[in-house]
Each structure stands twice: as structure tokens, then as C-alpha cells.
Amino acid sequence: MDVVYPSISILAEPPVTVVDKTVDRKGTRAVAEAYLQYLYTDEGQDIAGKNFYRPISPKAQAKYAKQLPKIPLFTIEQAFGGWEKADKDHFADGGSFDQIYLKK
């Protein structure tokens, strides 16, 4: 299998959190908290690296350095002026993303 790496990429750091609800009828809060606690452990970071996600722990970064070579990364703020501006310019009605689907 050939893997193609881009010359640059977006630094994607999606936030994770546990939403606090006063009533947890489905019992999902404990699972959500366990996931959040596990995500940044050595084992959790190892799973990320195995699956070609860039881990943030130095140990996992070193382990997967060959399969995840260093490339320049930029943030949404740096490249697009932040999420609010990126959303308006690219994903709102009539934005650049819509242009992909316009018939010519």
C-alpha cells in the first residue's frame, strides 16, 4: 500500500468534553468520562498512532515517526482567519464549498 503525505496540512485538534446534564437516564456519562480519561493515556495515544492519527504524546510521536513524517502544520486561525470566518467563506450557503457542486 502506498501512502501519500501532503506537503502541508491543517493542525486538527478537535475538542472533546463531557456534557454535564443533571439527569443521565441512559448511563452514558460514566462511559464518556472513561473515554476522556483514556484518550490521552499512553495506550490511547498508541491506538491513535496505529490508526494514522497524529498522537500528541512524545512517546507515541516517536514510535510512529516513520509512518507519520513531520510536515508543516497550520491552524484554522492562521490559514483562514478562524472558524467563524472559515465557516462563512467556505461552508455557508454560496460559500466556496458550494462551488464544487455547481453545474457548469
C-alpha atoms as a PDB file:
ATOM      1  CA  MET A   1       0.000   0.000   0.000  1.00  0.00           C
ATOM      2  CA  ASP A   2       1.311   3.436  -0.907  1.00  0.00           C
ATOM      3  CA  VAL A   3       0.639   6.267   1.489  1.00  0.00           C
ATOM      4  CA  VAL A   4       0.654   9.788   0.086  1.00  0.00           C
ATOM      5  CA  TYR A   5       1.524  12.560   2.511  1.00  0.00           C
ATOM      6  CA  PRO A   6       0.556  16.150   1.791  1.00  0.00           C
ATOM      7  CA  SER A   7       3.271  18.786   1.728  1.00  0.00           C
ATOM      8  CA  ILE A   8       1.317  20.787   4.364  1.00  0.00           C
ATOM      9  CA  SER A   9      -1.788  20.113   6.433  1.00  0.00           C
ATOM     10  CA  ILE A  10      -4.230  21.602   8.906  1.00  0.00           C
ATOM     11  CA  LEU A  11      -3.480  21.064  12.571  1.00  0.00           C
ATOM     12  CA  ALA A  12      -6.766  19.440  13.558  1.00  0.00           C
ATOM     13  CA  GLU A  13      -7.303  19.352  17.286  1.00  0.00           C
ATOM     14  CA  PRO A  14     -10.984  18.637  17.758  1.00  0.00           C
ATOM     15  CA  PRO A  15     -12.101  19.346  21.292  1.00  0.00           C
ATOM     16  CA  VAL A  16     -13.523  16.595  23.445  1.00  0.00           C
ATOM     17  CA  THR A  17     -15.610  17.104  26.535  1.00  0.00           C
ATOM     18  CA  VAL A  18     -18.259  15.570  28.726  1.00  0.00           C
ATOM     19  CA  VAL A  19     -21.541  17.454  28.564  1.00  0.00           C
ATOM     20  CA  ASP A  20     -22.885  17.938  32.054  1.00  0.00           C
ATOM     21  CA  LYS A  21     -26.546  17.014  32.346  1.00  0.00           C
ATOM     22  CA  THR A  22     -28.443  16.898  35.584  1.00  0.00           C
ATOM     23  CA  VAL A  23     -30.121  13.620  34.632  1.00  0.00           C
ATOM     24  CA  ASP A  24     -28.197  10.772  32.976  1.00  0.00           C
ATOM     25  CA  ARG A  25     -31.026   8.404  32.068  1.00  0.00           C
ATOM     26  CA  LYS A  26     -29.035   6.334  29.579  1.00  0.00           C
ATOM     27  CA  GLY A  27     -25.972   5.894  31.783  1.00  0.00           C
ATOM     28  CA  THR A  28     -23.642   7.348  29.171  1.00  0.00           C
ATOM     29  CA  ARG A  29     -21.876   9.896  31.388  1.00  0.00           C
ATOM     30  CA  ALA A  30     -19.628   7.286  33.017  1.00  0.00           C
ATOM     31  CA  VAL A  31     -18.644   5.927  29.603  1.00  0.00           C
ATOM     32  CA  ALA A  32     -17.956   9.438  28.285  1.00  0.00           C
ATOM     33  CA  GLU A  33     -15.789  10.269  31.304  1.00  0.00           C
ATOM     34  CA  ALA A  34     -13.863   6.995  30.945  1.00  0.00           C
ATOM     35  CA  TYR A  35     -13.232   7.704  27.248  1.00  0.00           C
ATOM     36  CA  LEU A  36     -11.998  11.215  28.012  1.00  0.00           C
ATOM     37  CA  GLN A  37      -9.646   9.923  30.705  1.00  0.00           C
ATOM     38  CA  TYR A  38      -8.335   7.171  28.403  1.00  0.00           C
ATOM     39  CA  LEU A  39      -7.877   9.297  25.275  1.00  0.00           C
ATOM     40  CA  TYR A  40      -4.582  10.898  26.319  1.00  0.00           C
ATOM     41  CA  THR A  41      -3.054   7.898  28.103  1.00  0.00           C
ATOM     42  CA  ASP A  42      -0.059   6.123  26.569  1.00  0.00           C
ATOM     43  CA  GLU A  43      -2.362   3.327  25.389  1.00  0.00           C
ATOM     44  CA  GLY A  44      -4.921   5.728  23.926  1.00  0.00           C
ATOM     45  CA  GLN A  45      -2.215   7.673  22.116  1.00  0.00           C
ATOM     46  CA  ASP A  46      -0.728   4.427  20.818  1.00  0.00           C
ATOM     47  CA  ILE A  47      -4.099   3.489  19.311  1.00  0.00           C
ATOM     48  CA  ALA A  48      -4.251   6.907  17.633  1.00  0.00           C
ATOM     49  CA  GLY A  49      -0.815   6.429  16.078  1.00  0.00           C
ATOM     50  CA  LYS A  50      -1.608   2.881  14.918  1.00  0.00           C
ATOM     51  CA  ASN A  51      -4.590   4.292  13.051  1.00  0.00           C
ATOM     52  CA  PHE A  52      -2.628   7.085  11.342  1.00  0.00           C
ATOM     53  CA  TYR A  53      -3.854   9.885  13.595  1.00  0.00           C
ATOM     54  CA  ARG A  54      -1.098  12.173  14.840  1.00  0.00           C
ATOM     55  CA  PRO A  55      -0.709  11.485  18.550  1.00  0.00           C
ATOM     56  CA  ILE A  56       0.237  14.329  20.870  1.00  0.00           C
ATOM     57  CA  SER A  57       2.259  12.329  23.373  1.00  0.00           C
ATOM     58  CA  PRO A  58       6.025  12.430  22.729  1.00  0.00           C
ATOM     59  CA  LYS A  59       6.274   8.654  23.281  1.00  0.00           C
ATOM     60  CA  ALA A  60       3.678   7.835  20.610  1.00  0.00           C
ATOM     61  CA  GLN A  61       5.057  10.508  18.279  1.00  0.00           C
ATOM     62  CA  ALA A  62       8.470   8.860  18.441  1.00  0.00           C
ATOM     63  CA  LYS A  63       7.008   5.387  17.921  1.00  0.00           C
ATOM     64  CA  TYR A  64       5.061   6.417  14.799  1.00  0.00           C
ATOM     65  CA  ALA A  65       7.527   8.943  13.364  1.00  0.00           C
ATOM     66  CA  LYS A  66       8.188   6.819  10.254  1.00  0.00           C
ATOM     67  CA  GLN A  67       4.529   6.398   9.335  1.00  0.00           C
ATOM     68  CA  LEU A  68       3.693   9.995  10.275  1.00  0.00           C
ATOM     69  CA  PRO A  69       6.562  12.113   8.957  1.00  0.00           C
ATOM     70  CA  LYS A  70       6.800  15.707  10.101  1.00  0.00           C
ATOM     71  CA  ILE A  71       5.063  18.128   7.786  1.00  0.00           C
ATOM     72  CA  PRO A  72       4.309  21.821   8.234  1.00  0.00           C
ATOM     73  CA  LEU A  73       1.007  22.228  10.058  1.00  0.00           C
ATOM     74  CA  PHE A  74      -1.109  25.367  10.222  1.00  0.00           C
ATOM     75  CA  THR A  75      -4.143  26.267  12.304  1.00  0.00           C
ATOM     76  CA  ILE A  76      -7.557  27.357  11.071  1.00  0.00           C
ATOM     77  CA  GLU A  77      -6.782  30.759  12.581  1.00  0.00           C
ATOM     78  CA  GLN A  78      -3.526  31.102  10.643  1.00  0.00           C
ATOM     79  CA  ALA A  79      -4.879  29.958   7.292  1.00  0.00           C
ATOM     80  CA  PHE A  80      -8.490  31.105   7.295  1.00  0.00           C
ATOM     81  CA  GLY A  81      -8.867  33.758   9.991  1.00  0.00           C
ATOM     82  CA  GLY A  82     -10.643  31.482  12.487  1.00  0.00           C
ATOM     83  CA  TRP A  83     -13.597  29.113  12.404  1.00  0.00           C
ATOM     84  CA  GLU A  84     -16.244  31.826  12.155  1.00  0.00           C
ATOM     85  CA  LYS A  85     -14.658  33.343   9.046  1.00  0.00           C
ATOM     86  CA  ALA A  86     -13.867  29.913   7.538  1.00  0.00           C
ATOM     87  CA  ASP A  87     -17.461  28.814   8.071  1.00  0.00           C
ATOM     88  CA  LYS A  88     -18.835  31.958   6.411  1.00  0.00           C
ATOM     89  CA  ASP A  89     -16.393  31.899   3.466  1.00  0.00           C
ATOM     90  CA  HIS A  90     -16.370  28.197   2.749  1.00  0.00           C
ATOM     91  CA  PHE A  91     -19.375  26.390   4.251  1.00  0.00           C
ATOM     92  CA  ALA A  92     -22.258  28.883   4.390  1.00  0.00           C
ATOM     93  CA  ASP A  93     -24.776  28.973   1.536  1.00  0.00           C
ATOM     94  CA  GLY A  94     -22.967  30.195  -1.552  1.00  0.00           C
ATOM     95  CA  GLY A  95     -19.532  29.614   0.003  1.00  0.00           C
ATOM     96  CA  SER A  96     -16.600  28.046  -1.806  1.00  0.00           C
ATOM     97  CA  PHE A  97     -17.690  24.528  -0.839  1.00  0.00           C
ATOM     98  CA  ASP A  98     -20.941  25.051  -2.751  1.00  0.00           C
ATOM     99  CA  GLN A  99     -18.919  25.928  -5.855  1.00  0.00           C
ATOM    100  CA  ILE A 100     -17.725  22.329  -6.067  1.00  0.00           C
ATOM    101  CA  TYR A 101     -21.267  21.195  -6.754  1.00  0.00           C
ATOM    102  CA  LEU A 102     -22.439  23.933  -9.126  1.00  0.00           C
ATOM    103  CA  LYS A 103     -23.258  22.760 -12.619  1.00  0.00           C
ATOM    104  CA  LYS A 104     -21.224  24.491 -15.280  1.00  0.00           C
END
